[in-house]
Structure formats: structure tokens, C-alpha cells
Amino acid sequence: MLKIRPIDDRVVIEVLEAEEKTAGGIVLPDSAKEKPQRGRVVAVGEGRLGDDGKRAPMTLKKGDVVMFGKYAGSDVEIDRKELKIMRESEIIVRIQS
């Protein structure tokens, strides 16, 4: 179990693997795969601290599947898992299941 807790409005995202096939069924070699832009939220911070001393609530929660910008966040590796740490505002969309 991953023991990591982001601070303020940051989220930790487990990067999901890039697609190995195109929509038409063509298998992509590793060199042609795009950098993954999807992930699953594994931890969220308490929220951004406002000027009034109150925390803004986070809109994301653990388990949400999200999309983010190609170069968003910081890449880290913990327990052999590829993770990204970024601010909630860098998340582009939450994918509904």
C-alpha cells in the first residue's frame, strides 16, 4: 500500500499505460506510443489554503480517472510505480465511468 500524502491542492496520480493499439487495430511499437495522459488518482491533499485561512475543498477524490496535459506535473517513481504529482488545477478532465 502506497504511503504518500500530498499537501495543499496537489494530487498524486498513478499513470495508466499508453494505448498499444489504434482504434483501427494497428499495434503500435514502443517508439510510436505517445506519452500517457491518463491516470488514476491515488491521493489528494487537503485543499488550497485561501487568504482568509480556510481551505478550498478538493473536487477530485481517490479512485477518479483523469486526463492531464502532456507535460503537466512532476514525474516520480515510488515502489516501482510511475506517478505524477500535480496541482488539481493541472487536471484537464475527470472521466466518468
PDB file of N, CA and C in Angstrom:
ATOM      1  N   MET A   1       0.844  -1.184   0.000  1.00  0.00           N
ATOM      2  CA  MET A   1       0.000   0.000   0.000  1.00  0.00           C
ATOM      3  C   MET A   1       0.886   1.244   0.000  1.00  0.00           C
ATOM      4  N   LEU A   2       0.572   2.173  -0.842  1.00  0.00           N
ATOM      5  CA  LEU A   2       1.352   3.387  -1.005  1.00  0.00           C
ATOM      6  C   LEU A   2       1.081   4.351   0.145  1.00  0.00           C
ATOM      7  N   LYS A   3       2.149   4.799   0.812  1.00  0.00           N
ATOM      8  CA  LYS A   3       2.016   5.737   1.935  1.00  0.00           C
ATOM      9  C   LYS A   3       2.554   7.089   1.503  1.00  0.00           C
ATOM     10  N   ILE A   4       1.701   7.874   0.858  1.00  0.00           N
ATOM     11  CA  ILE A   4       2.097   9.201   0.399  1.00  0.00           C
ATOM     12  C   ILE A   4       0.912  10.127   0.585  1.00  0.00           C
ATOM     13  N   ARG A   5       1.183  11.336   1.057  1.00  0.00           N
ATOM     14  CA  ARG A   5       0.107  12.296   1.281  1.00  0.00           C
ATOM     15  C   ARG A   5       0.524  13.653   0.716  1.00  0.00           C
ATOM     16  N   PRO A   6      -0.125  14.081  -0.349  1.00  0.00           N
ATOM     17  CA  PRO A   6       0.219  15.379  -0.942  1.00  0.00           C
ATOM     18  C   PRO A   6      -0.257  16.528  -0.051  1.00  0.00           C
ATOM     19  N   ILE A   7       0.354  17.679  -0.219  1.00  0.00           N
ATOM     20  CA  ILE A   7      -0.039  18.843   0.567  1.00  0.00           C
ATOM     21  C   ILE A   7      -0.816  19.833  -0.292  1.00  0.00           C
ATOM     22  N   ASP A   8      -1.621  20.627   0.392  1.00  0.00           N
ATOM     23  CA  ASP A   8      -2.448  21.669  -0.219  1.00  0.00           C
ATOM     24  C   ASP A   8      -3.316  21.112  -1.352  1.00  0.00           C
ATOM     25  N   ASP A   9      -3.254  21.726  -2.541  1.00  0.00           N
ATOM     26  CA  ASP A   9      -4.143  21.336  -3.641  1.00  0.00           C
ATOM     27  C   ASP A   9      -3.468  20.396  -4.636  1.00  0.00           C
ATOM     28  N   ARG A  10      -2.537  19.603  -4.144  1.00  0.00           N
ATOM     29  CA  ARG A  10      -1.839  18.671  -5.029  1.00  0.00           C
ATOM     30  C   ARG A  10      -2.510  17.299  -4.989  1.00  0.00           C
ATOM     31  N   VAL A  11      -2.352  16.568  -6.105  1.00  0.00           N
ATOM     32  CA  VAL A  11      -2.865  15.210  -6.208  1.00  0.00           C
ATOM     33  C   VAL A  11      -1.744  14.296  -6.692  1.00  0.00           C
ATOM     34  N   VAL A  12      -1.805  13.034  -6.291  1.00  0.00           N
ATOM     35  CA  VAL A  12      -0.862  12.030  -6.761  1.00  0.00           C
ATOM     36  C   VAL A  12      -1.631  11.130  -7.712  1.00  0.00           C
ATOM     37  N   ILE A  13      -1.076  10.935  -8.894  1.00  0.00           N
ATOM     38  CA  ILE A  13      -1.751  10.172  -9.946  1.00  0.00           C
ATOM     39  C   ILE A  13      -0.878   9.016 -10.391  1.00  0.00           C
ATOM     40  N   GLU A  14      -1.483   7.815 -10.426  1.00  0.00           N
ATOM     41  CA  GLU A  14      -0.811   6.655 -10.992  1.00  0.00           C
ATOM     42  C   GLU A  14      -1.065   6.689 -12.488  1.00  0.00           C
ATOM     43  N   VAL A  15      -0.011   6.788 -13.255  1.00  0.00           N
ATOM     44  CA  VAL A  15      -0.121   6.913 -14.703  1.00  0.00           C
ATOM     45  C   VAL A  15      -0.591   5.588 -15.288  1.00  0.00           C
ATOM     46  N   LEU A  16      -1.625   5.649 -16.130  1.00  0.00           N
ATOM     47  CA  LEU A  16      -2.129   4.455 -16.805  1.00  0.00           C
ATOM     48  C   LEU A  16      -1.356   4.257 -18.095  1.00  0.00           C
ATOM     49  N   GLU A  17      -1.202   3.028 -18.508  1.00  0.00           N
ATOM     50  CA  GLU A  17      -0.412   2.687 -19.683  1.00  0.00           C
ATOM     51  C   GLU A  17      -0.978   3.322 -20.952  1.00  0.00           C
ATOM     52  N   ALA A  18      -0.085   3.632 -21.872  1.00  0.00           N
ATOM     53  CA  ALA A  18      -0.482   4.172 -23.172  1.00  0.00           C
ATOM     54  C   ALA A  18      -1.153   3.075 -23.983  1.00  0.00           C
ATOM     55  N   GLU A  19      -1.995   3.487 -24.895  1.00  0.00           N
ATOM     56  CA  GLU A  19      -2.687   2.526 -25.762  1.00  0.00           C
ATOM     57  C   GLU A  19      -1.666   1.777 -26.610  1.00  0.00           C
ATOM     58  N   GLU A  20      -1.858   0.472 -26.745  1.00  0.00           N
ATOM     59  CA  GLU A  20      -0.958  -0.335 -27.554  1.00  0.00           C
ATOM     60  C   GLU A  20      -1.490  -0.575 -28.956  1.00  0.00           C
ATOM     61  N   LYS A  21      -2.774  -0.248 -29.171  1.00  0.00           N
ATOM     62  CA  LYS A  21      -3.378  -0.404 -30.489  1.00  0.00           C
ATOM     63  C   LYS A  21      -4.120   0.873 -30.844  1.00  0.00           C
ATOM     64  N   THR A  22      -4.190   1.149 -32.128  1.00  0.00           N
ATOM     65  CA  THR A  22      -5.001   2.270 -32.592  1.00  0.00           C
ATOM     66  C   THR A  22      -6.457   1.825 -32.635  1.00  0.00           C
ATOM     67  N   ALA A  23      -7.362   2.756 -32.873  1.00  0.00           N
ATOM     68  CA  ALA A  23      -8.785   2.426 -32.970  1.00  0.00           C
ATOM     69  C   ALA A  23      -9.038   1.430 -34.104  1.00  0.00           C
ATOM     70  N   GLY A  24      -8.194   1.460 -35.128  1.00  0.00           N
ATOM     71  CA  GLY A  24      -8.342   0.547 -36.262  1.00  0.00           C
ATOM     72  C   GLY A  24      -7.691  -0.806 -36.041  1.00  0.00           C
ATOM     73  N   GLY A  25      -7.058  -1.021 -34.879  1.00  0.00           N
ATOM     74  CA  GLY A  25      -6.469  -2.309 -34.556  1.00  0.00           C
ATOM     75  C   GLY A  25      -5.000  -2.457 -34.893  1.00  0.00           C
ATOM     76  N   ILE A  26      -4.332  -1.380 -35.294  1.00  0.00           N
ATOM     77  CA  ILE A  26      -2.908  -1.444 -35.623  1.00  0.00           C
ATOM     78  C   ILE A  26      -2.107  -1.428 -34.324  1.00  0.00           C
ATOM     79  N   VAL A  27      -1.209  -2.394 -34.159  1.00  0.00           N
ATOM     80  CA  VAL A  27      -0.370  -2.474 -32.966  1.00  0.00           C
ATOM     81  C   VAL A  27       0.761  -1.452 -33.095  1.00  0.00           C
ATOM     82  N   LEU A  28       0.934  -0.634 -32.047  1.00  0.00           N
ATOM     83  CA  LEU A  28       1.957   0.405 -32.069  1.00  0.00           C
ATOM     84  C   LEU A  28       3.258  -0.081 -31.431  1.00  0.00           C
ATOM     85  N   PRO A  29       4.404   0.173 -32.061  1.00  0.00           N
ATOM     86  CA  PRO A  29       5.678  -0.142 -31.415  1.00  0.00           C
ATOM     87  C   PRO A  29       5.940   0.874 -30.303  1.00  0.00           C
ATOM     88  N   ASP A  30       6.819   0.533 -29.366  1.00  0.00           N
ATOM     89  CA  ASP A  30       7.110   1.416 -28.241  1.00  0.00           C
ATOM     90  C   ASP A  30       7.519   2.816 -28.683  1.00  0.00           C
ATOM     91  N   SER A  31       8.265   2.923 -29.768  1.00  0.00           N
ATOM     92  CA  SER A  31       8.748   4.228 -30.228  1.00  0.00           C
ATOM     93  C   SER A  31       7.619   5.125 -30.736  1.00  0.00           C
ATOM     94  N   ALA A  32       6.480   4.562 -31.105  1.00  0.00           N
ATOM     95  CA  ALA A  32       5.373   5.343 -31.659  1.00  0.00           C
ATOM     96  C   ALA A  32       4.314   5.696 -30.614  1.00  0.00           C
ATOM     97  N   LYS A  33       4.428   5.111 -29.423  1.00  0.00           N
ATOM     98  CA  LYS A  33       3.432   5.383 -28.384  1.00  0.00           C
ATOM     99  C   LYS A  33       3.597   6.799 -27.860  1.00  0.00           C
ATOM    100  N   GLU A  34       2.488   7.447 -27.636  1.00  0.00           N
ATOM    101  CA  GLU A  34       2.537   8.787 -27.064  1.00  0.00           C
ATOM    102  C   GLU A  34       2.704   8.695 -25.558  1.00  0.00           C
ATOM    103  N   LYS A  35       3.208   9.776 -24.984  1.00  0.00           N
ATOM    104  CA  LYS A  35       3.342   9.853 -23.545  1.00  0.00           C
ATOM    105  C   LYS A  35       1.943   9.753 -22.932  1.00  0.00           C
ATOM    106  N   PRO A  36       1.734   8.875 -21.941  1.00  0.00           N
ATOM    107  CA  PRO A  36       0.399   8.710 -21.354  1.00  0.00           C
ATOM    108  C   PRO A  36      -0.118  10.009 -20.753  1.00  0.00           C
ATOM    109  N   GLN A  37      -1.402  10.247 -20.939  1.00  0.00           N
ATOM    110  CA  GLN A  37      -2.023  11.456 -20.406  1.00  0.00           C
ATOM    111  C   GLN A  37      -3.241  11.113 -19.558  1.00  0.00           C
ATOM    112  N   ARG A  38      -3.340   9.858 -19.153  1.00  0.00           N
ATOM    113  CA  ARG A  38      -4.441   9.402 -18.317  1.00  0.00           C
ATOM    114  C   ARG A  38      -3.875   8.794 -17.053  1.00  0.00           C
ATOM    115  N   GLY A  39      -4.642   8.912 -15.977  1.00  0.00           N
ATOM    116  CA  GLY A  39      -4.186   8.298 -14.743  1.00  0.00           C
ATOM    117  C   GLY A  39      -5.309   8.169 -13.735  1.00  0.00           C
ATOM    118  N   ARG A  40      -4.996   7.444 -12.665  1.00  0.00           N
ATOM    119  CA  ARG A  40      -5.954   7.230 -11.579  1.00  0.00           C
ATOM    120  C   ARG A  40      -5.431   7.947 -10.343  1.00  0.00           C
ATOM    121  N   VAL A  41      -6.288   8.730  -9.707  1.00  0.00           N
ATOM    122  CA  VAL A  41      -5.916   9.472  -8.507  1.00  0.00           C
ATOM    123  C   VAL A  41      -5.709   8.486  -7.363  1.00  0.00           C
ATOM    124  N   VAL A  42      -4.529   8.532  -6.723  1.00  0.00           N
ATOM    125  CA  VAL A  42      -4.243   7.639  -5.599  1.00  0.00           C
ATOM    126  C   VAL A  42      -4.210   8.379  -4.266  1.00  0.00           C
ATOM    127  N   ALA A  43      -4.077   9.709  -4.307  1.00  0.00           N
ATOM    128  CA  ALA A  43      -4.090  10.500  -3.072  1.00  0.00           C
ATOM    129  C   ALA A  43      -4.388  11.956  -3.410  1.00  0.00           C
ATOM    130  N   VAL A  44      -5.085  12.634  -2.515  1.00  0.00           N
ATOM    131  CA  VAL A  44      -5.384  14.064  -2.690  1.00  0.00           C
ATOM    132  C   VAL A  44      -5.013  14.818  -1.428  1.00  0.00           C
ATOM    133  N   GLY A  45      -4.622  16.082  -1.618  1.00  0.00           N
ATOM    134  CA  GLY A  45      -4.298  16.931  -0.486  1.00  0.00           C
ATOM    135  C   GLY A  45      -5.560  17.461   0.180  1.00  0.00           C
ATOM    136  N   GLU A  46      -5.372  18.323   1.163  1.00  0.00           N
ATOM    137  CA  GLU A  46      -6.486  18.876   1.933  1.00  0.00           C
ATOM    138  C   GLU A  46      -7.195  20.017   1.223  1.00  0.00           C
ATOM    139  N   GLY A  47      -6.574  20.585   0.211  1.00  0.00           N
ATOM    140  CA  GLY A  47      -7.153  21.726  -0.499  1.00  0.00           C
ATOM    141  C   GLY A  47      -6.298  22.965  -0.339  1.00  0.00           C
ATOM    142  N   ARG A  48      -6.469  23.891  -1.260  1.00  0.00           N
ATOM    143  CA  ARG A  48      -5.686  25.127  -1.251  1.00  0.00           C
ATOM    144  C   ARG A  48      -6.097  25.998  -0.083  1.00  0.00           C
ATOM    145  N   LEU A  49      -5.115  26.572   0.587  1.00  0.00           N
ATOM    146  CA  LEU A  49      -5.363  27.464   1.710  1.00  0.00           C
ATOM    147  C   LEU A  49      -5.575  28.874   1.179  1.00  0.00           C
ATOM    148  N   GLY A  50      -6.747  29.436   1.439  1.00  0.00           N
ATOM    149  CA  GLY A  50      -7.079  30.765   0.947  1.00  0.00           C
ATOM    150  C   GLY A  50      -6.509  31.863   1.820  1.00  0.00           C
ATOM    151  N   ASP A  51      -6.642  33.098   1.360  1.00  0.00           N
ATOM    152  CA  ASP A  51      -6.146  34.256   2.109  1.00  0.00           C
ATOM    153  C   ASP A  51      -6.864  34.411   3.451  1.00  0.00           C
ATOM    154  N   ASP A  52      -8.092  33.900   3.516  1.00  0.00           N
ATOM    155  CA  ASP A  52      -8.876  34.002   4.755  1.00  0.00           C
ATOM    156  C   ASP A  52      -8.550  32.884   5.746  1.00  0.00           C
ATOM    157  N   GLY A  53      -7.607  31.988   5.394  1.00  0.00           N
ATOM    158  CA  GLY A  53      -7.206  30.912   6.283  1.00  0.00           C
ATOM    159  C   GLY A  53      -8.057  29.656   6.158  1.00  0.00           C
ATOM    160  N   LYS A  54      -9.027  29.658   5.256  1.00  0.00           N
ATOM    161  CA  LYS A  54      -9.882  28.492   5.076  1.00  0.00           C
ATOM    162  C   LYS A  54      -9.411  27.697   3.858  1.00  0.00           C
ATOM    163  N   ARG A  55      -9.620  26.403   3.904  1.00  0.00           N
ATOM    164  CA  ARG A  55      -9.223  25.536   2.802  1.00  0.00           C
ATOM    165  C   ARG A  55     -10.353  25.403   1.793  1.00  0.00           C
ATOM    166  N   ALA A  56     -10.004  25.514   0.510  1.00  0.00           N
ATOM    167  CA  ALA A  56     -10.968  25.291  -0.569  1.00  0.00           C
ATOM    168  C   ALA A  56     -11.103  23.779  -0.737  1.00  0.00           C
ATOM    169  N   PRO A  57     -12.316  23.256  -0.818  1.00  0.00           N
ATOM    170  CA  PRO A  57     -12.482  21.805  -0.941  1.00  0.00           C
ATOM    171  C   PRO A  57     -11.952  21.282  -2.280  1.00  0.00           C
ATOM    172  N   MET A  58     -11.422  20.062  -2.255  1.00  0.00           N
ATOM    173  CA  MET A  58     -10.925  19.412  -3.469  1.00  0.00           C
ATOM    174  C   MET A  58     -12.106  18.811  -4.217  1.00  0.00           C
ATOM    175  N   THR A  59     -12.082  18.882  -5.539  1.00  0.00           N
ATOM    176  CA  THR A  59     -13.161  18.304  -6.338  1.00  0.00           C
ATOM    177  C   THR A  59     -12.861  16.868  -6.741  1.00  0.00           C
ATOM    178  N   LEU A  60     -11.584  16.470  -6.673  1.00  0.00           N
ATOM    179  CA  LEU A  60     -11.194  15.106  -7.011  1.00  0.00           C
ATOM    180  C   LEU A  60     -11.129  14.255  -5.761  1.00  0.00           C
ATOM    181  N   LYS A  61     -11.282  12.940  -5.951  1.00  0.00           N
ATOM    182  CA  LYS A  61     -11.151  12.014  -4.831  1.00  0.00           C
ATOM    183  C   LYS A  61     -10.356  10.796  -5.290  1.00  0.00           C
ATOM    184  N   LYS A  62      -9.896  10.027  -4.340  1.00  0.00           N
ATOM    185  CA  LYS A  62      -9.130   8.821  -4.637  1.00  0.00           C
ATOM    186  C   LYS A  62      -9.961   7.901  -5.523  1.00  0.00           C
ATOM    187  N   GLY A  63      -9.332   7.372  -6.574  1.00  0.00           N
ATOM    188  CA  GLY A  63     -10.008   6.454  -7.488  1.00  0.00           C
ATOM    189  C   GLY A  63     -10.505   7.099  -8.768  1.00  0.00           C
ATOM    190  N   ASP A  64     -10.600   8.437  -8.808  1.00  0.00           N
ATOM    191  CA  ASP A  64     -11.038   9.121 -10.028  1.00  0.00           C
ATOM    192  C   ASP A  64     -10.040   8.870 -11.151  1.00  0.00           C
ATOM    193  N   VAL A  65     -10.549   8.672 -12.367  1.00  0.00           N
ATOM    194  CA  VAL A  65      -9.694   8.557 -13.553  1.00  0.00           C
ATOM    195  C   VAL A  65      -9.720   9.917 -14.235  1.00  0.00           C
ATOM    196  N   VAL A  66      -8.538  10.451 -14.514  1.00  0.00           N
ATOM    197  CA  VAL A  66      -8.425  11.810 -15.025  1.00  0.00           C
ATOM    198  C   VAL A  66      -7.518  11.865 -16.244  1.00  0.00           C
ATOM    199  N   MET A  67      -7.604  12.977 -16.957  1.00  0.00           N
ATOM    200  CA  MET A  67      -6.676  13.284 -18.042  1.00  0.00           C
ATOM    201  C   MET A  67      -5.974  14.585 -17.686  1.00  0.00           C
ATOM    202  N   PHE A  68      -4.712  14.684 -18.094  1.00  0.00           N
ATOM    203  CA  PHE A  68      -3.901  15.851 -17.776  1.00  0.00           C
ATOM    204  C   PHE A  68      -3.048  16.205 -18.980  1.00  0.00           C
ATOM    205  N   GLY A  69      -2.448  17.378 -18.955  1.00  0.00           N
ATOM    206  CA  GLY A  69      -1.599  17.826 -20.052  1.00  0.00           C
ATOM    207  C   GLY A  69      -0.369  16.939 -20.204  1.00  0.00           C
ATOM    208  N   LYS A  70       0.145  16.875 -21.409  1.00  0.00           N
ATOM    209  CA  LYS A  70       1.272  16.001 -21.735  1.00  0.00           C
ATOM    210  C   LYS A  70       2.483  16.237 -20.836  1.00  0.00           C
ATOM    211  N   TYR A  71       2.737  17.488 -20.475  1.00  0.00           N
ATOM    212  CA  TYR A  71       3.915  17.803 -19.673  1.00  0.00           C
ATOM    213  C   TYR A  71       3.555  18.326 -18.289  1.00  0.00           C
ATOM    214  N   ALA A  72       2.348  18.061 -17.822  1.00  0.00           N
ATOM    215  CA  ALA A  72       1.892  18.544 -16.524  1.00  0.00           C
ATOM    216  C   ALA A  72       2.540  17.763 -15.390  1.00  0.00           C
ATOM    217  N   GLY A  73       2.709  18.422 -14.261  1.00  0.00           N
ATOM    218  CA  GLY A  73       3.152  17.762 -13.043  1.00  0.00           C
ATOM    219  C   GLY A  73       4.606  17.350 -13.041  1.00  0.00           C
ATOM    220  N   SER A  74       4.960  16.690 -11.945  1.00  0.00           N
ATOM    221  CA  SER A  74       6.316  16.179 -11.755  1.00  0.00           C
ATOM    222  C   SER A  74       6.272  14.658 -11.760  1.00  0.00           C
ATOM    223  N   ASP A  75       7.160  14.040 -12.518  1.00  0.00           N
ATOM    224  CA  ASP A  75       7.226  12.577 -12.582  1.00  0.00           C
ATOM    225  C   ASP A  75       8.075  12.056 -11.428  1.00  0.00           C
ATOM    226  N   VAL A  76       7.551  11.067 -10.712  1.00  0.00           N
ATOM    227  CA  VAL A  76       8.292  10.414  -9.634  1.00  0.00           C
ATOM    228  C   VAL A  76       8.048   8.910  -9.733  1.00  0.00           C
ATOM    229  N   GLU A  77       8.950   8.131  -9.133  1.00  0.00           N
ATOM    230  CA  GLU A  77       8.765   6.688  -9.083  1.00  0.00           C
ATOM    231  C   GLU A  77       8.878   6.261  -7.628  1.00  0.00           C
ATOM    232  N   ILE A  78       7.825   5.634  -7.120  1.00  0.00           N
ATOM    233  CA  ILE A  78       7.793   5.157  -5.740  1.00  0.00           C
ATOM    234  C   ILE A  78       7.330   3.710  -5.773  1.00  0.00           C
ATOM    235  N   ASP A  79       8.073   2.843  -5.117  1.00  0.00           N
ATOM    236  CA  ASP A  79       7.756   1.405  -5.101  1.00  0.00           C
ATOM    237  C   ASP A  79       7.557   0.852  -6.512  1.00  0.00           C
ATOM    238  N   ARG A  80       8.405   1.261  -7.439  1.00  0.00           N
ATOM    239  CA  ARG A  80       8.383   0.814  -8.837  1.00  0.00           C
ATOM    240  C   ARG A  80       7.096   1.175  -9.567  1.00  0.00           C
ATOM    241  N   LYS A  81       6.407   2.202  -9.088  1.00  0.00           N
ATOM    242  CA  LYS A  81       5.210   2.701  -9.771  1.00  0.00           C
ATOM    243  C   LYS A  81       5.505   4.083 -10.318  1.00  0.00           C
ATOM    244  N   GLU A  82       5.100   4.299 -11.558  1.00  0.00           N
ATOM    245  CA  GLU A  82       5.273   5.604 -12.184  1.00  0.00           C
ATOM    246  C   GLU A  82       4.124   6.501 -11.728  1.00  0.00           C
ATOM    247  N   LEU A  83       4.464   7.593 -11.043  1.00  0.00           N
ATOM    248  CA  LEU A  83       3.458   8.505 -10.502  1.00  0.00           C
ATOM    249  C   LEU A  83       3.714   9.919 -10.989  1.00  0.00           C
ATOM    250  N   LYS A  84       2.674  10.719 -10.940  1.00  0.00           N
ATOM    251  CA  LYS A  84       2.783  12.156 -11.204  1.00  0.00           C
ATOM    252  C   LYS A  84       2.215  12.884 -10.008  1.00  0.00           C
ATOM    253  N   ILE A  85       2.865  13.967  -9.639  1.00  0.00           N
ATOM    254  CA  ILE A  85       2.344  14.839  -8.593  1.00  0.00           C
ATOM    255  C   ILE A  85       2.089  16.182  -9.254  1.00  0.00           C
ATOM    256  N   MET A  86       0.837  16.653  -9.145  1.00  0.00           N
ATOM    257  CA  MET A  86       0.475  17.918  -9.783  1.00  0.00           C
ATOM    258  C   MET A  86      -0.600  18.625  -8.986  1.00  0.00           C
ATOM    259  N   ARG A  87      -0.791  19.882  -9.302  1.00  0.00           N
ATOM    260  CA  ARG A  87      -1.872  20.643  -8.685  1.00  0.00           C
ATOM    261  C   ARG A  87      -3.199  20.222  -9.322  1.00  0.00           C
ATOM    262  N   GLU A  88      -4.255  20.313  -8.559  1.00  0.00           N
ATOM    263  CA  GLU A  88      -5.567  19.942  -9.077  1.00  0.00           C
ATOM    264  C   GLU A  88      -5.929  20.771 -10.309  1.00  0.00           C
ATOM    265  N   SER A  89      -5.470  22.006 -10.371  1.00  0.00           N
ATOM    266  CA  SER A  89      -5.789  22.871 -11.499  1.00  0.00           C
ATOM    267  C   SER A  89      -5.137  22.413 -12.811  1.00  0.00           C
ATOM    268  N   GLU A  90      -4.137  21.525 -12.739  1.00  0.00           N
ATOM    269  CA  GLU A  90      -3.494  20.999 -13.945  1.00  0.00           C
ATOM    270  C   GLU A  90      -4.267  19.843 -14.564  1.00  0.00           C
ATOM    271  N   ILE A  91      -5.265  19.326 -13.854  1.00  0.00           N
ATOM    272  CA  ILE A  91      -6.111  18.247 -14.371  1.00  0.00           C
ATOM    273  C   ILE A  91      -7.057  18.849 -15.385  1.00  0.00           C
ATOM    274  N   ILE A  92      -7.143  18.240 -16.560  1.00  0.00           N
ATOM    275  CA  ILE A  92      -7.991  18.759 -17.635  1.00  0.00           C
ATOM    276  C   ILE A  92      -9.428  18.272 -17.488  1.00  0.00           C
ATOM    277  N   VAL A  93      -9.592  16.961 -17.186  1.00  0.00           N
ATOM    278  CA  VAL A  93     -10.941  16.393 -17.160  1.00  0.00           C
ATOM    279  C   VAL A  93     -10.968  15.157 -16.250  1.00  0.00           C
ATOM    280  N   ARG A  94     -12.110  14.948 -15.632  1.00  0.00           N
ATOM    281  CA  ARG A  94     -12.356  13.701 -14.884  1.00  0.00           C
ATOM    282  C   ARG A  94     -13.212  12.835 -15.784  1.00  0.00           C
ATOM    283  N   ILE A  95     -12.830  11.578 -15.978  1.00  0.00           N
ATOM    284  CA  ILE A  95     -13.541  10.671 -16.859  1.00  0.00           C
ATOM    285  C   ILE A  95     -14.621   9.953 -16.054  1.00  0.00           C
ATOM    286  N   GLN A  96     -15.856  10.092 -16.490  1.00  0.00           N
ATOM    287  CA  GLN A  96     -16.987   9.439 -15.829  1.00  0.00           C
ATOM    288  C   GLN A  96     -17.061   7.993 -16.293  1.00  0.00           C
ATOM    289  N   SER A  97     -17.368   7.098 -15.381  1.00  0.00           N
ATOM    290  CA  SER A  97     -17.479   5.683 -15.777  1.00  0.00           C
ATOM    291  C   SER A  97     -18.929   5.262 -15.925  1.00  0.00           C
TER     292      SER A  97
END
